[in-house]
Amino acid sequence: VQHTGPTNKKLRCHLPLVGVEGSRLRVGDIVEEQQAGKCYVFDDSFEHEAWHDGTETRIVLLFDLWHPDFSDKEVQFLDYLQKSKLKAEKQMSQGDESDGNFFNLLNKTRDMLKDN
């Protein structure tokens, strides 16, 4: 599904690991056949989408980097805002025991991989 990120404060990274055959990534007007182990970095505020027409399960590591034009002070400020937002969401979710609550899911799955 085509979408855009809310701001250009970050660069989104896609690192296809397995099941890459038949997968494509479009950012703006550029479409690329993805390759395993090749990292694709783009501005999340541009319209983008991914397709997978392969037969294997596709696993892609997704992570974000602060936009390189930010100063250290700007990154500290945005990091503070992000942590404050998470803290407020956690407090608001207290008493909500549903599986749709992100913090409940984290708590329920916390011990799943301890033996691995």
N, C-alpha and C. Protein backbone atom coordinates (compact mmCIF):
# COMPACT_ATOMS: atom_id res chain seq x y z
N VAL A 1 0.85 -1.17 0.00
CA VAL A 1 0.00 0.00 0.00
C VAL A 1 0.90 1.24 0.00
N GLN A 2 0.68 2.11 -0.95
CA GLN A 2 1.50 3.32 -1.00
C GLN A 2 1.20 4.21 0.21
N HIS A 3 2.25 4.83 0.75
CA HIS A 3 2.09 5.67 1.92
C HIS A 3 3.28 6.62 2.03
N THR A 4 3.16 7.58 2.93
CA THR A 4 4.26 8.49 3.23
C THR A 4 4.39 8.58 4.74
N GLY A 5 5.59 8.88 5.18
CA GLY A 5 5.79 9.15 6.59
C GLY A 5 5.30 10.56 6.90
N PRO A 6 5.04 10.86 8.16
CA PRO A 6 4.47 12.16 8.51
C PRO A 6 5.43 13.33 8.36
N THR A 7 6.74 13.09 8.44
CA THR A 7 7.73 14.17 8.34
C THR A 7 8.97 13.63 7.64
N ASN A 8 9.91 14.52 7.37
CA ASN A 8 11.19 14.09 6.80
C ASN A 8 12.30 14.09 7.85
N LYS A 9 11.92 13.88 9.11
CA LYS A 9 12.91 13.90 10.19
C LYS A 9 13.79 12.65 10.21
N LYS A 10 13.41 11.64 9.44
CA LYS A 10 14.17 10.39 9.49
C LYS A 10 14.40 9.84 8.09
N LEU A 11 15.38 8.99 8.01
CA LEU A 11 15.60 8.19 6.82
C LEU A 11 15.21 6.77 7.17
N ARG A 12 14.44 6.13 6.32
CA ARG A 12 13.98 4.75 6.54
C ARG A 12 14.94 3.82 5.81
N CYS A 13 15.32 2.74 6.46
CA CYS A 13 16.23 1.76 5.88
C CYS A 13 15.51 0.43 5.75
N HIS A 14 15.58 -0.16 4.57
CA HIS A 14 15.06 -1.51 4.30
C HIS A 14 16.26 -2.38 3.98
N LEU A 15 16.46 -3.44 4.76
CA LEU A 15 17.54 -4.38 4.51
C LEU A 15 16.92 -5.76 4.31
N PRO A 16 16.68 -6.16 3.04
CA PRO A 16 16.09 -7.48 2.78
C PRO A 16 17.07 -8.58 3.21
N LEU A 17 16.56 -9.55 3.96
CA LEU A 17 17.41 -10.62 4.47
C LEU A 17 17.18 -11.93 3.71
N VAL A 18 15.94 -12.36 3.61
CA VAL A 18 15.62 -13.62 2.90
C VAL A 18 14.30 -13.45 2.15
N GLY A 19 14.06 -14.33 1.19
CA GLY A 19 12.82 -14.33 0.44
C GLY A 19 12.68 -13.10 -0.44
N VAL A 20 13.78 -12.65 -0.99
CA VAL A 20 13.80 -11.38 -1.72
C VAL A 20 13.29 -11.54 -3.15
N GLU A 21 13.41 -12.73 -3.71
CA GLU A 21 13.00 -12.92 -5.10
C GLU A 21 11.54 -12.51 -5.29
N GLY A 22 11.30 -11.66 -6.28
CA GLY A 22 9.95 -11.20 -6.56
C GLY A 22 9.53 -9.98 -5.75
N SER A 23 10.48 -9.36 -5.03
CA SER A 23 10.10 -8.17 -4.25
C SER A 23 10.67 -6.91 -4.89
N ARG A 24 9.88 -5.85 -4.79
CA ARG A 24 10.26 -4.56 -5.36
C ARG A 24 9.94 -3.47 -4.35
N LEU A 25 10.66 -2.38 -4.47
CA LEU A 25 10.45 -1.22 -3.62
C LEU A 25 10.36 0.01 -4.51
N ARG A 26 9.31 0.81 -4.30
CA ARG A 26 9.17 2.06 -5.04
C ARG A 26 9.25 3.22 -4.07
N VAL A 27 10.08 4.19 -4.41
CA VAL A 27 10.16 5.46 -3.68
C VAL A 27 10.06 6.55 -4.72
N GLY A 28 9.00 7.37 -4.62
CA GLY A 28 8.75 8.38 -5.66
C GLY A 28 8.48 7.67 -6.97
N ASP A 29 9.24 8.02 -7.99
CA ASP A 29 9.08 7.42 -9.32
C ASP A 29 10.08 6.29 -9.58
N ILE A 30 10.89 5.95 -8.60
CA ILE A 30 11.94 4.94 -8.79
C ILE A 30 11.50 3.61 -8.21
N VAL A 31 11.54 2.56 -9.05
CA VAL A 31 11.19 1.20 -8.62
C VAL A 31 12.45 0.36 -8.75
N GLU A 32 12.78 -0.39 -7.70
CA GLU A 32 13.96 -1.26 -7.72
C GLU A 32 13.59 -2.68 -7.34
N GLU A 33 14.15 -3.64 -8.08
CA GLU A 33 14.09 -5.05 -7.67
C GLU A 33 15.03 -5.17 -6.48
N GLN A 34 14.55 -5.69 -5.39
CA GLN A 34 15.39 -5.75 -4.20
C GLN A 34 16.37 -6.92 -4.26
N GLN A 35 17.52 -6.73 -3.61
CA GLN A 35 18.55 -7.76 -3.52
C GLN A 35 18.83 -8.04 -2.04
N ALA A 36 18.99 -9.31 -1.72
CA ALA A 36 19.30 -9.69 -0.33
C ALA A 36 20.63 -9.06 0.09
N GLY A 37 20.64 -8.48 1.28
CA GLY A 37 21.86 -7.91 1.82
C GLY A 37 22.16 -6.49 1.36
N LYS A 38 21.38 -5.96 0.44
CA LYS A 38 21.58 -4.58 -0.02
C LYS A 38 20.63 -3.67 0.76
N CYS A 39 21.17 -2.64 1.39
CA CYS A 39 20.37 -1.73 2.20
C CYS A 39 19.83 -0.60 1.33
N TYR A 40 18.53 -0.36 1.43
CA TYR A 40 17.86 0.70 0.69
C TYR A 40 17.50 1.78 1.70
N VAL A 41 18.02 2.98 1.50
CA VAL A 41 17.81 4.09 2.43
C VAL A 41 17.10 5.21 1.68
N PHE A 42 16.01 5.72 2.27
CA PHE A 42 15.26 6.77 1.60
C PHE A 42 14.56 7.67 2.61
N ASP A 43 14.19 8.83 2.14
CA ASP A 43 13.45 9.80 2.95
C ASP A 43 12.01 9.31 3.07
N ASP A 44 11.59 9.02 4.28
CA ASP A 44 10.29 8.44 4.57
C ASP A 44 9.12 9.34 4.18
N SER A 45 9.38 10.63 3.98
CA SER A 45 8.28 11.55 3.64
C SER A 45 7.88 11.45 2.17
N PHE A 46 8.71 10.79 1.34
CA PHE A 46 8.35 10.55 -0.05
C PHE A 46 7.39 9.37 -0.13
N GLU A 47 6.47 9.41 -1.07
CA GLU A 47 5.54 8.28 -1.24
C GLU A 47 6.35 7.03 -1.59
N HIS A 48 6.02 5.93 -0.91
CA HIS A 48 6.74 4.68 -1.15
C HIS A 48 5.82 3.49 -0.92
N GLU A 49 6.21 2.36 -1.48
CA GLU A 49 5.47 1.11 -1.29
C GLU A 49 6.38 -0.05 -1.66
N ALA A 50 6.04 -1.23 -1.17
CA ALA A 50 6.80 -2.44 -1.47
C ALA A 50 5.84 -3.52 -1.93
N TRP A 51 6.33 -4.38 -2.84
CA TRP A 51 5.56 -5.53 -3.32
C TRP A 51 6.39 -6.78 -3.13
N HIS A 52 5.70 -7.89 -2.94
CA HIS A 52 6.38 -9.18 -2.87
C HIS A 52 5.53 -10.20 -3.60
N ASP A 53 6.01 -10.62 -4.77
CA ASP A 53 5.31 -11.61 -5.58
C ASP A 53 6.01 -12.96 -5.55
N GLY A 54 6.98 -13.12 -4.66
CA GLY A 54 7.74 -14.36 -4.58
C GLY A 54 6.98 -15.45 -3.85
N THR A 55 7.56 -16.64 -3.85
CA THR A 55 6.94 -17.79 -3.21
C THR A 55 7.44 -18.02 -1.79
N GLU A 56 8.58 -17.44 -1.43
CA GLU A 56 9.15 -17.61 -0.09
C GLU A 56 8.67 -16.49 0.83
N THR A 57 8.73 -16.74 2.11
CA THR A 57 8.45 -15.70 3.08
C THR A 57 9.57 -14.66 3.01
N ARG A 58 9.19 -13.42 2.93
CA ARG A 58 10.17 -12.33 2.83
C ARG A 58 10.37 -11.74 4.22
N ILE A 59 11.63 -11.60 4.60
CA ILE A 59 11.96 -10.97 5.88
C ILE A 59 12.87 -9.78 5.58
N VAL A 60 12.43 -8.60 6.04
CA VAL A 60 13.17 -7.36 5.81
C VAL A 60 13.38 -6.68 7.15
N LEU A 61 14.62 -6.33 7.45
CA LEU A 61 14.92 -5.55 8.65
C LEU A 61 14.65 -4.09 8.32
N LEU A 62 13.77 -3.46 9.09
CA LEU A 62 13.44 -2.04 8.91
C LEU A 62 13.98 -1.27 10.11
N PHE A 63 14.63 -0.16 9.83
CA PHE A 63 15.07 0.71 10.91
C PHE A 63 15.18 2.14 10.40
N ASP A 64 15.17 3.06 11.33
CA ASP A 64 15.20 4.48 10.99
C ASP A 64 16.47 5.13 11.51
N LEU A 65 16.91 6.14 10.77
CA LEU A 65 18.05 6.96 11.16
C LEU A 65 17.59 8.41 11.18
N TRP A 66 18.11 9.19 12.10
CA TRP A 66 17.79 10.61 12.08
C TRP A 66 18.30 11.21 10.78
N HIS A 67 17.59 12.17 10.26
CA HIS A 67 18.01 12.83 9.03
C HIS A 67 19.39 13.46 9.26
N PRO A 68 20.33 13.27 8.33
CA PRO A 68 21.70 13.73 8.55
C PRO A 68 21.85 15.25 8.60
N ASP A 69 20.85 16.01 8.19
CA ASP A 69 20.94 17.47 8.25
C ASP A 69 20.65 18.01 9.64
N PHE A 70 20.18 17.17 10.57
CA PHE A 70 19.91 17.63 11.93
C PHE A 70 21.20 17.81 12.71
N SER A 71 21.22 18.84 13.54
CA SER A 71 22.34 19.02 14.46
C SER A 71 22.16 18.07 15.64
N ASP A 72 23.19 17.91 16.44
CA ASP A 72 23.09 17.07 17.63
C ASP A 72 22.00 17.58 18.58
N LYS A 73 21.89 18.89 18.72
CA LYS A 73 20.87 19.48 19.60
C LYS A 73 19.47 19.18 19.08
N GLU A 74 19.27 19.25 17.77
CA GLU A 74 17.96 18.94 17.20
C GLU A 74 17.59 17.47 17.41
N VAL A 75 18.56 16.58 17.26
CA VAL A 75 18.32 15.15 17.49
C VAL A 75 17.97 14.92 18.96
N GLN A 76 18.69 15.57 19.88
CA GLN A 76 18.38 15.43 21.31
C GLN A 76 16.96 15.90 21.60
N PHE A 77 16.56 17.02 21.01
CA PHE A 77 15.21 17.55 21.22
C PHE A 77 14.16 16.59 20.69
N LEU A 78 14.33 16.10 19.45
CA LEU A 78 13.36 15.18 18.87
C LEU A 78 13.31 13.86 19.63
N ASP A 79 14.45 13.39 20.10
CA ASP A 79 14.50 12.17 20.90
C ASP A 79 13.73 12.38 22.21
N TYR A 80 13.89 13.53 22.83
CA TYR A 80 13.16 13.85 24.05
C TYR A 80 11.65 13.84 23.79
N LEU A 81 11.22 14.46 22.68
CA LEU A 81 9.79 14.47 22.34
C LEU A 81 9.26 13.05 22.13
N GLN A 82 10.04 12.24 21.44
CA GLN A 82 9.62 10.86 21.16
C GLN A 82 9.47 10.06 22.46
N LYS A 83 10.44 10.19 23.35
CA LYS A 83 10.37 9.47 24.63
C LYS A 83 9.21 9.98 25.48
N SER A 84 8.96 11.28 25.45
CA SER A 84 7.83 11.85 26.21
C SER A 84 6.51 11.31 25.68
N LYS A 85 6.40 11.20 24.37
CA LYS A 85 5.17 10.67 23.76
C LYS A 85 4.95 9.22 24.18
N LEU A 86 6.01 8.40 24.13
CA LEU A 86 5.89 7.00 24.55
C LEU A 86 5.50 6.89 26.02
N LYS A 87 6.10 7.73 26.84
CA LYS A 87 5.79 7.70 28.28
C LYS A 87 4.32 8.05 28.51
N ALA A 88 3.83 9.07 27.81
CA ALA A 88 2.42 9.46 27.96
C ALA A 88 1.49 8.36 27.46
N GLU A 89 1.84 7.73 26.33
CA GLU A 89 1.01 6.64 25.81
C GLU A 89 0.98 5.46 26.77
N LYS A 90 2.11 5.19 27.41
CA LYS A 90 2.16 4.09 28.37
C LYS A 90 1.26 4.38 29.56
N GLN A 91 1.30 5.61 30.07
CA GLN A 91 0.45 5.97 31.19
C GLN A 91 -1.03 5.91 30.81
N MET A 92 -1.37 6.36 29.61
CA MET A 92 -2.76 6.34 29.16
C MET A 92 -3.26 4.92 28.95
N SER A 93 -2.36 3.98 28.67
CA SER A 93 -2.77 2.61 28.38
C SER A 93 -2.97 1.78 29.65
N GLN A 94 -2.56 2.28 30.79
CA GLN A 94 -2.73 1.54 32.04
C GLN A 94 -4.21 1.28 32.28
N GLY A 95 -4.54 0.05 32.59
CA GLY A 95 -5.93 -0.34 32.79
C GLY A 95 -6.56 -0.91 31.53
N ASP A 96 -5.89 -0.73 30.39
CA ASP A 96 -6.38 -1.29 29.12
C ASP A 96 -5.67 -2.63 28.91
N GLU A 97 -6.39 -3.72 29.08
CA GLU A 97 -5.80 -5.06 29.01
C GLU A 97 -5.93 -5.69 27.62
N SER A 98 -6.35 -4.94 26.62
CA SER A 98 -6.59 -5.51 25.29
C SER A 98 -5.27 -5.82 24.58
N ASP A 99 -5.33 -6.76 23.62
CA ASP A 99 -4.16 -7.10 22.84
C ASP A 99 -3.80 -6.00 21.83
N GLY A 100 -4.71 -5.05 21.63
CA GLY A 100 -4.42 -3.94 20.74
C GLY A 100 -3.55 -2.88 21.39
N ASN A 101 -3.28 -3.05 22.68
CA ASN A 101 -2.44 -2.12 23.42
C ASN A 101 -0.98 -2.54 23.24
N PHE A 102 -0.18 -1.68 22.64
CA PHE A 102 1.23 -1.97 22.34
C PHE A 102 2.01 -2.41 23.57
N PHE A 103 1.80 -1.74 24.69
CA PHE A 103 2.57 -2.05 25.89
C PHE A 103 2.15 -3.39 26.49
N ASN A 104 0.88 -3.77 26.37
CA ASN A 104 0.45 -5.10 26.81
C ASN A 104 1.11 -6.18 25.96
N LEU A 105 1.17 -5.95 24.66
CA LEU A 105 1.83 -6.93 23.78
C LEU A 105 3.29 -7.11 24.15
N LEU A 106 3.98 -6.01 24.45
CA LEU A 106 5.38 -6.11 24.87
C LEU A 106 5.51 -6.94 26.14
N ASN A 107 4.66 -6.68 27.12
CA ASN A 107 4.73 -7.42 28.38
C ASN A 107 4.41 -8.90 28.18
N LYS A 108 3.41 -9.21 27.35
CA LYS A 108 3.02 -10.60 27.13
C LYS A 108 4.08 -11.40 26.38
N THR A 109 4.86 -10.74 25.55
CA THR A 109 5.86 -11.45 24.75
C THR A 109 7.27 -11.34 25.31
N ARG A 110 7.43 -10.65 26.40
CA ARG A 110 8.75 -10.39 26.99
C ARG A 110 9.58 -11.67 27.22
N ASP A 111 8.95 -12.74 27.67
CA ASP A 111 9.66 -13.96 28.02
C ASP A 111 9.72 -15.00 26.90
N MET A 112 9.19 -14.68 25.75
CA MET A 112 9.09 -15.68 24.69
C MET A 112 10.45 -16.15 24.17
N LEU A 113 11.44 -15.29 24.13
CA LEU A 113 12.73 -15.64 23.53
C LEU A 113 13.86 -15.77 24.54
N LYS A 114 13.55 -15.89 25.81
CA LYS A 114 14.59 -15.97 26.82
C LYS A 114 15.53 -17.15 26.63
N ASP A 115 15.03 -18.29 26.11
CA ASP A 115 15.85 -19.48 25.97
C ASP A 115 16.63 -19.49 24.66
N ASN A 116 16.39 -18.54 23.79
CA ASN A 116 17.05 -18.51 22.48
C ASN A 116 18.29 -17.69 22.49
